[in-house]
N, C-alpha and C. Protein backbone atom coordinates (compact mmCIF):
# COMPACT_ATOMS: atom_id res chain seq x y z
N MET A 1 0.82 -1.14 -0.06
CA MET A 1 -0.03 -0.03 0.03
C MET A 1 0.90 1.25 -0.02
N GLU A 2 0.64 2.16 -0.91
CA GLU A 2 1.46 3.40 -1.01
C GLU A 2 1.04 4.35 0.07
N ILE A 3 1.98 5.37 0.28
CA ILE A 3 1.68 6.33 1.37
C ILE A 3 0.45 7.17 1.13
N HIS A 4 0.12 7.52 -0.05
CA HIS A 4 -1.18 8.29 -0.24
C HIS A 4 -2.32 7.43 0.08
N GLU A 5 -2.36 6.16 -0.16
CA GLU A 5 -3.39 5.32 0.20
C GLU A 5 -3.55 5.11 1.74
N LYS A 6 -2.36 5.04 2.39
CA LYS A 6 -2.37 4.97 3.79
C LYS A 6 -2.99 6.16 4.52
N ILE A 7 -2.62 7.37 3.92
CA ILE A 7 -3.18 8.57 4.46
C ILE A 7 -4.68 8.66 4.29
N GLY A 8 -5.17 8.29 3.08
CA GLY A 8 -6.59 8.15 2.79
C GLY A 8 -7.30 7.28 3.70
N PHE A 9 -6.82 6.04 3.91
CA PHE A 9 -7.45 5.13 4.89
C PHE A 9 -7.39 5.54 6.30
N GLY A 10 -6.35 6.24 6.64
CA GLY A 10 -6.26 6.80 7.97
C GLY A 10 -7.30 7.93 8.27
N ALA A 11 -7.41 8.76 7.22
CA ALA A 11 -8.37 9.93 7.28
C ALA A 11 -9.77 9.36 7.37
N ALA A 12 -10.09 8.33 6.61
CA ALA A 12 -11.43 7.72 6.52
C ALA A 12 -11.73 7.00 7.89
N LEU A 13 -10.70 6.42 8.48
CA LEU A 13 -10.89 5.72 9.67
C LEU A 13 -11.26 6.80 10.87
N ILE A 14 -10.51 7.81 10.82
CA ILE A 14 -10.69 8.87 11.84
C ILE A 14 -12.10 9.50 11.66
N LEU A 15 -12.46 9.79 10.42
CA LEU A 15 -13.76 10.36 10.06
C LEU A 15 -14.91 9.38 10.61
N THR A 16 -14.76 8.19 10.25
CA THR A 16 -15.83 7.18 10.57
C THR A 16 -15.92 7.01 12.06
N ALA A 17 -14.74 7.04 12.82
CA ALA A 17 -14.72 6.93 14.29
C ALA A 17 -15.42 8.07 14.92
N LEU A 18 -15.12 9.31 14.43
CA LEU A 18 -15.79 10.50 14.95
C LEU A 18 -17.32 10.47 14.78
N LEU A 19 -17.69 10.08 13.55
CA LEU A 19 -19.16 10.05 13.21
C LEU A 19 -19.82 8.89 14.00
N ALA A 20 -19.12 7.84 14.15
CA ALA A 20 -19.72 6.67 14.93
C ALA A 20 -19.99 7.06 16.36
N GLY A 21 -19.19 7.78 17.02
CA GLY A 21 -19.30 8.25 18.37
C GLY A 21 -20.55 9.15 18.49
N GLN A 22 -20.55 10.10 17.48
CA GLN A 22 -21.70 11.11 17.49
C GLN A 22 -23.01 10.35 17.22
N ASP A 23 -23.02 9.39 16.23
CA ASP A 23 -24.21 8.68 15.88
C ASP A 23 -24.71 7.92 17.02
N ILE A 24 -23.86 7.36 17.85
CA ILE A 24 -24.38 6.58 19.08
C ILE A 24 -24.96 7.53 20.15
N ARG A 25 -24.23 8.71 20.34
CA ARG A 25 -24.68 9.57 21.37
C ARG A 25 -25.93 10.37 20.94
N GLU A 26 -25.91 10.97 19.76
CA GLU A 26 -26.89 11.91 19.38
C GLU A 26 -27.92 11.36 18.30
N LYS A 27 -27.70 10.20 17.78
CA LYS A 27 -28.57 9.58 16.72
C LYS A 27 -28.56 10.50 15.48
N ARG A 28 -27.40 11.14 15.23
CA ARG A 28 -27.27 11.97 13.98
C ARG A 28 -25.76 12.15 13.81
N VAL A 29 -25.40 12.53 12.54
CA VAL A 29 -23.97 12.83 12.25
C VAL A 29 -23.86 14.28 11.76
N SER A 30 -22.75 14.89 11.98
CA SER A 30 -22.50 16.25 11.74
C SER A 30 -22.27 16.53 10.19
N LEU A 31 -23.17 17.30 9.62
CA LEU A 31 -23.02 17.66 8.15
C LEU A 31 -21.78 18.51 8.02
N PHE A 32 -21.41 19.35 9.00
CA PHE A 32 -20.26 20.16 8.90
C PHE A 32 -18.95 19.31 8.82
N VAL A 33 -18.87 18.33 9.66
CA VAL A 33 -17.74 17.42 9.61
C VAL A 33 -17.69 16.64 8.32
N ILE A 34 -18.71 16.23 7.80
CA ILE A 34 -18.80 15.50 6.54
C ILE A 34 -18.34 16.44 5.39
N VAL A 35 -18.94 17.59 5.33
CA VAL A 35 -18.54 18.54 4.26
C VAL A 35 -17.10 18.88 4.39
N LEU A 36 -16.59 19.22 5.57
CA LEU A 36 -15.21 19.61 5.74
C LEU A 36 -14.22 18.48 5.24
N SER A 37 -14.56 17.23 5.75
CA SER A 37 -13.77 16.06 5.40
C SER A 37 -13.74 15.85 3.83
N GLY A 38 -14.97 16.01 3.27
CA GLY A 38 -15.09 15.79 1.81
C GLY A 38 -14.29 16.85 1.00
N SER A 39 -14.28 18.05 1.50
CA SER A 39 -13.53 19.15 0.85
C SER A 39 -12.03 18.86 0.91
N ILE A 40 -11.61 18.40 2.12
CA ILE A 40 -10.20 18.14 2.29
C ILE A 40 -9.81 16.91 1.35
N ALA A 41 -10.66 15.91 1.28
CA ALA A 41 -10.39 14.74 0.47
C ALA A 41 -10.29 15.21 -0.99
N LEU A 42 -11.20 16.05 -1.55
CA LEU A 42 -11.05 16.53 -2.88
C LEU A 42 -9.80 17.25 -3.09
N LEU A 43 -9.38 18.11 -2.14
CA LEU A 43 -8.16 18.86 -2.25
C LEU A 43 -6.95 17.94 -2.33
N TYR A 44 -7.01 16.93 -1.44
CA TYR A 44 -5.97 15.93 -1.33
C TYR A 44 -5.82 15.14 -2.70
N LEU A 45 -6.95 14.80 -3.26
CA LEU A 45 -6.94 14.01 -4.51
C LEU A 45 -6.43 14.97 -5.62
N ALA A 46 -6.78 16.25 -5.63
CA ALA A 46 -6.39 17.16 -6.68
C ALA A 46 -4.87 17.40 -6.54
N ALA A 47 -4.38 17.50 -5.30
CA ALA A 47 -2.99 17.81 -5.06
C ALA A 47 -2.07 16.65 -5.52
N GLY A 48 -2.63 15.44 -5.37
CA GLY A 48 -1.92 14.24 -5.78
C GLY A 48 -2.18 13.87 -7.25
N GLU A 49 -2.87 14.70 -7.94
CA GLU A 49 -3.17 14.52 -9.40
C GLU A 49 -3.97 13.19 -9.66
N ARG A 50 -4.77 12.86 -8.67
CA ARG A 50 -5.56 11.64 -8.87
C ARG A 50 -7.08 11.92 -8.99
N LEU A 51 -7.34 13.18 -9.45
CA LEU A 51 -8.70 13.67 -9.57
C LEU A 51 -9.25 13.47 -11.05
N GLU A 52 -9.44 12.25 -11.43
CA GLU A 52 -9.95 11.91 -12.71
C GLU A 52 -11.47 11.76 -12.61
N LEU A 53 -12.25 12.15 -13.61
CA LEU A 53 -13.73 12.11 -13.48
C LEU A 53 -14.32 10.76 -13.30
N VAL A 54 -13.81 9.76 -14.08
CA VAL A 54 -14.32 8.39 -14.00
C VAL A 54 -13.99 7.79 -12.65
N SER A 55 -12.78 8.05 -12.16
CA SER A 55 -12.36 7.46 -10.90
C SER A 55 -13.20 8.15 -9.78
N LEU A 56 -13.40 9.45 -9.81
CA LEU A 56 -14.22 10.19 -8.89
C LEU A 56 -15.63 9.69 -8.83
N CYS A 57 -16.22 9.44 -10.01
CA CYS A 57 -17.55 8.91 -10.07
C CYS A 57 -17.67 7.51 -9.39
N PHE A 58 -16.70 6.70 -9.66
CA PHE A 58 -16.66 5.37 -9.03
C PHE A 58 -16.57 5.45 -7.54
N ARG A 59 -15.68 6.39 -7.05
CA ARG A 59 -15.45 6.50 -5.66
C ARG A 59 -16.73 6.97 -4.93
N ILE A 60 -17.52 7.82 -5.46
CA ILE A 60 -18.72 8.32 -4.84
C ILE A 60 -19.96 7.49 -5.09
N LEU A 61 -19.96 6.50 -5.95
CA LEU A 61 -21.05 5.69 -6.29
C LEU A 61 -21.75 5.01 -5.10
N PRO A 62 -20.99 4.33 -4.15
CA PRO A 62 -21.71 3.75 -3.02
C PRO A 62 -22.47 4.73 -2.19
N GLY A 63 -21.86 5.92 -1.95
CA GLY A 63 -22.54 6.91 -1.25
C GLY A 63 -23.71 7.55 -1.88
N ALA A 64 -23.56 7.76 -3.29
CA ALA A 64 -24.77 8.15 -4.02
C ALA A 64 -25.94 7.15 -3.99
N LEU A 65 -25.61 5.93 -4.10
CA LEU A 65 -26.61 4.90 -4.00
C LEU A 65 -27.23 4.91 -2.65
N LEU A 66 -26.51 5.05 -1.58
CA LEU A 66 -27.12 5.10 -0.26
C LEU A 66 -27.96 6.37 -0.05
N LEU A 67 -27.53 7.52 -0.67
CA LEU A 67 -28.38 8.68 -0.57
C LEU A 67 -29.71 8.46 -1.32
N PHE A 68 -29.65 7.85 -2.53
CA PHE A 68 -30.80 7.57 -3.27
C PHE A 68 -31.71 6.60 -2.54
N THR A 69 -31.14 5.58 -1.82
CA THR A 69 -31.91 4.66 -1.00
C THR A 69 -32.64 5.47 0.19
N ALA A 70 -31.90 6.46 0.75
CA ALA A 70 -32.55 7.27 1.84
C ALA A 70 -33.66 7.99 1.28
N LEU A 71 -33.63 8.50 0.04
CA LEU A 71 -34.63 9.23 -0.51
C LEU A 71 -35.89 8.29 -0.82
N LEU A 72 -35.65 7.17 -1.38
CA LEU A 72 -36.71 6.23 -1.66
C LEU A 72 -37.43 5.57 -0.41
N SER A 73 -36.59 5.50 0.67
CA SER A 73 -37.14 4.81 1.85
C SER A 73 -37.70 5.79 2.85
N GLU A 74 -37.82 7.07 2.44
CA GLU A 74 -38.29 8.16 3.33
C GLU A 74 -37.44 8.20 4.55
N GLU A 75 -36.13 8.20 4.33
CA GLU A 75 -35.09 8.32 5.29
C GLU A 75 -35.07 7.23 6.39
N LYS A 76 -35.38 6.02 6.00
CA LYS A 76 -35.20 4.94 6.90
C LYS A 76 -33.65 4.78 7.04
N ILE A 77 -32.93 4.90 5.97
CA ILE A 77 -31.45 5.13 6.03
C ILE A 77 -31.25 6.58 5.98
N GLY A 78 -30.47 7.16 6.92
CA GLY A 78 -30.32 8.53 7.01
C GLY A 78 -29.50 9.16 5.85
N TYR A 79 -29.83 10.36 5.55
CA TYR A 79 -29.07 11.13 4.55
C TYR A 79 -27.58 11.37 5.00
N GLY A 80 -27.47 11.48 6.31
CA GLY A 80 -26.10 11.66 6.82
C GLY A 80 -25.18 10.43 6.64
N ASP A 81 -25.85 9.27 6.75
CA ASP A 81 -25.14 7.98 6.52
C ASP A 81 -24.67 8.00 5.05
N GLY A 82 -25.53 8.31 4.13
CA GLY A 82 -25.19 8.32 2.71
C GLY A 82 -24.08 9.36 2.37
N ALA A 83 -24.15 10.51 3.04
CA ALA A 83 -23.16 11.54 2.82
C ALA A 83 -21.83 11.12 3.31
N ALA A 84 -21.90 10.47 4.51
CA ALA A 84 -20.64 9.99 5.12
C ALA A 84 -19.95 8.96 4.27
N VAL A 85 -20.77 8.01 3.69
CA VAL A 85 -20.26 6.98 2.80
C VAL A 85 -19.71 7.54 1.54
N LEU A 86 -20.31 8.63 1.01
CA LEU A 86 -19.85 9.32 -0.12
C LEU A 86 -18.44 9.87 0.17
N VAL A 87 -18.19 10.50 1.28
CA VAL A 87 -16.93 11.01 1.65
C VAL A 87 -15.95 9.92 1.97
N LEU A 88 -16.36 8.84 2.54
CA LEU A 88 -15.54 7.60 2.73
C LEU A 88 -14.96 7.12 1.50
N GLY A 89 -15.79 7.06 0.41
CA GLY A 89 -15.33 6.67 -0.92
C GLY A 89 -14.28 7.66 -1.50
N LEU A 90 -14.36 8.92 -1.22
CA LEU A 90 -13.44 9.85 -1.69
C LEU A 90 -12.11 9.56 -1.04
N TRP A 91 -12.07 9.22 0.26
CA TRP A 91 -10.83 8.95 0.92
C TRP A 91 -10.23 7.55 0.53
N THR A 92 -11.02 6.60 0.22
CA THR A 92 -10.47 5.33 0.07
C THR A 92 -10.61 4.93 -1.50
N SER A 93 -11.54 4.11 -1.85
CA SER A 93 -11.77 3.79 -3.25
C SER A 93 -13.20 3.25 -3.34
N GLY A 94 -13.70 3.14 -4.54
CA GLY A 94 -15.05 2.74 -4.71
C GLY A 94 -15.28 1.28 -4.31
N ILE A 95 -14.37 0.47 -4.60
CA ILE A 95 -14.53 -0.99 -4.31
C ILE A 95 -14.39 -1.22 -2.78
N PHE A 96 -13.41 -0.57 -2.11
CA PHE A 96 -13.27 -0.63 -0.71
C PHE A 96 -14.52 -0.15 0.02
N CYS A 97 -15.00 0.97 -0.42
CA CYS A 97 -16.12 1.60 0.17
C CYS A 97 -17.40 0.66 0.00
N LEU A 98 -17.58 0.13 -1.22
CA LEU A 98 -18.69 -0.74 -1.43
C LEU A 98 -18.65 -2.03 -0.57
N SER A 99 -17.44 -2.55 -0.48
CA SER A 99 -17.23 -3.72 0.40
C SER A 99 -17.54 -3.40 1.83
N THR A 100 -17.02 -2.30 2.26
CA THR A 100 -17.28 -1.84 3.67
C THR A 100 -18.76 -1.63 3.94
N VAL A 101 -19.47 -0.92 3.08
CA VAL A 101 -20.81 -0.68 3.23
C VAL A 101 -21.63 -2.01 3.26
N SER A 102 -21.28 -2.95 2.40
CA SER A 102 -21.93 -4.25 2.36
C SER A 102 -21.79 -4.93 3.71
N ILE A 103 -20.56 -5.02 4.24
CA ILE A 103 -20.32 -5.71 5.51
C ILE A 103 -21.07 -4.94 6.63
N GLY A 104 -20.98 -3.57 6.56
CA GLY A 104 -21.79 -2.84 7.56
C GLY A 104 -23.25 -3.10 7.56
N LEU A 105 -23.79 -3.20 6.40
CA LEU A 105 -25.23 -3.47 6.36
C LEU A 105 -25.51 -4.85 6.82
N LEU A 106 -24.65 -5.81 6.56
CA LEU A 106 -24.82 -7.22 7.07
C LEU A 106 -24.79 -7.23 8.63
N LEU A 107 -23.85 -6.54 9.20
CA LEU A 107 -23.80 -6.36 10.59
C LEU A 107 -24.98 -5.68 11.21
N ALA A 108 -25.38 -4.62 10.61
CA ALA A 108 -26.54 -3.91 11.14
C ALA A 108 -27.83 -4.73 11.01
N GLY A 109 -27.96 -5.49 9.93
CA GLY A 109 -29.05 -6.45 9.75
C GLY A 109 -29.08 -7.48 10.80
N ALA A 110 -27.95 -8.04 11.12
CA ALA A 110 -27.84 -9.07 12.17
C ALA A 110 -28.30 -8.50 13.55
N TYR A 111 -27.78 -7.22 13.77
CA TYR A 111 -28.17 -6.58 15.09
C TYR A 111 -29.62 -6.33 15.12
N GLY A 112 -30.14 -5.87 14.01
CA GLY A 112 -31.65 -5.56 13.87
C GLY A 112 -32.39 -6.92 14.12
N THR A 113 -31.99 -8.04 13.56
CA THR A 113 -32.66 -9.24 13.78
C THR A 113 -32.57 -9.65 15.20
N LEU A 114 -31.50 -9.46 15.87
CA LEU A 114 -31.39 -9.70 17.34
C LEU A 114 -32.37 -8.86 18.17
N LEU A 115 -32.50 -7.61 17.75
CA LEU A 115 -33.49 -6.73 18.46
C LEU A 115 -34.95 -7.21 18.23
N LEU A 116 -35.27 -7.62 17.03
CA LEU A 116 -36.57 -8.14 16.76
C LEU A 116 -36.86 -9.41 17.55
N LEU A 117 -35.89 -10.31 17.61
CA LEU A 117 -36.05 -11.55 18.30
C LEU A 117 -36.20 -11.31 19.79
N SER A 118 -35.62 -10.19 20.29
CA SER A 118 -35.69 -9.97 21.76
C SER A 118 -36.93 -9.11 22.10
N GLY A 119 -37.74 -8.79 21.09
CA GLY A 119 -38.93 -8.04 21.33
C GLY A 119 -38.84 -6.58 21.25
N LYS A 120 -37.60 -6.04 20.94
CA LYS A 120 -37.40 -4.61 20.92
C LYS A 120 -37.63 -4.09 19.45
N LYS A 121 -38.86 -3.65 19.18
CA LYS A 121 -39.16 -3.21 17.87
C LYS A 121 -39.14 -1.67 17.80
N ASN A 122 -39.16 -1.18 16.56
CA ASN A 122 -39.19 0.32 16.28
C ASN A 122 -38.08 1.09 16.95
N ARG A 123 -36.90 0.49 16.92
CA ARG A 123 -35.68 1.28 17.51
C ARG A 123 -34.82 1.71 16.37
N ARG A 124 -34.32 2.82 16.53
CA ARG A 124 -33.41 3.48 15.51
C ARG A 124 -32.01 2.80 15.75
N ILE A 125 -31.45 2.35 14.74
CA ILE A 125 -30.07 1.73 14.77
C ILE A 125 -29.08 2.67 14.19
N PRO A 126 -28.10 3.07 14.98
CA PRO A 126 -27.05 4.00 14.32
C PRO A 126 -26.17 3.16 13.40
N PHE A 127 -26.01 3.61 12.19
CA PHE A 127 -25.29 2.86 11.14
C PHE A 127 -23.78 3.08 11.25
N MET A 128 -23.31 4.22 11.70
CA MET A 128 -21.84 4.53 11.68
C MET A 128 -21.05 3.56 12.49
N PRO A 129 -21.45 3.05 13.61
CA PRO A 129 -20.70 2.07 14.44
C PRO A 129 -20.56 0.80 13.63
N PHE A 130 -21.51 0.38 12.79
CA PHE A 130 -21.34 -0.82 12.05
C PHE A 130 -20.46 -0.56 10.82
N LEU A 131 -20.46 0.59 10.35
CA LEU A 131 -19.59 0.97 9.22
C LEU A 131 -18.10 1.03 9.78
N LEU A 132 -17.85 1.63 10.95
CA LEU A 132 -16.56 1.60 11.56
C LEU A 132 -16.07 0.17 11.71
N THR A 133 -16.97 -0.72 12.27
CA THR A 133 -16.52 -2.10 12.48
C THR A 133 -16.16 -2.77 11.18
N ALA A 134 -16.97 -2.62 10.15
CA ALA A 134 -16.72 -3.14 8.89
C ALA A 134 -15.43 -2.63 8.22
N MET A 135 -15.19 -1.38 8.39
CA MET A 135 -13.97 -0.77 7.94
C MET A 135 -12.73 -1.33 8.59
N GLU A 136 -12.81 -1.55 9.92
CA GLU A 136 -11.74 -2.19 10.57
C GLU A 136 -11.52 -3.66 10.11
N VAL A 137 -12.63 -4.31 9.90
CA VAL A 137 -12.51 -5.73 9.42
C VAL A 137 -11.81 -5.70 8.08
N MET A 138 -12.21 -4.86 7.19
CA MET A 138 -11.58 -4.75 5.88
C MET A 138 -10.07 -4.40 5.96
N LEU A 139 -9.72 -3.47 6.81
CA LEU A 139 -8.37 -3.05 6.91
C LEU A 139 -7.50 -4.10 7.61
N ILE A 140 -7.99 -4.84 8.48
CA ILE A 140 -7.21 -5.93 9.15
C ILE A 140 -7.12 -7.20 8.40
N TYR A 141 -8.24 -7.67 7.88
CA TYR A 141 -8.29 -9.05 7.27
C TYR A 141 -8.31 -9.08 5.78
N VAL A 142 -8.49 -8.08 5.11
CA VAL A 142 -8.45 -8.09 3.62
C VAL A 142 -7.32 -7.42 3.03
């Protein structure tokens, strides 16, 4: 892994950890932090001359799909989650981001199933902690 990739993964991990803590405490994520991180990611990509349109579109695709899902589901998945995933893709890569979101959704689904089986219905599940866990799994084991 090259140094610019390590910096990107480190920044994404820090961003996800910050948002996970906030999501657990407040049941929301900071749009300011997401926009600031996304702006820095774009500047970082531009400075490293890795700002190609096709690559950029692929990087933001998982987040864009999650934002579209939030729109269709009347925000059963939050817009903040989609925006955070969009920025995560900027810092990492499209395939890493898509894999991380897939694992995160599986983990959140398993947790939701456990809640249903225990009789706890209609609870909001913060997604960022599952995304953080999935990202750590991806960085350690893949």
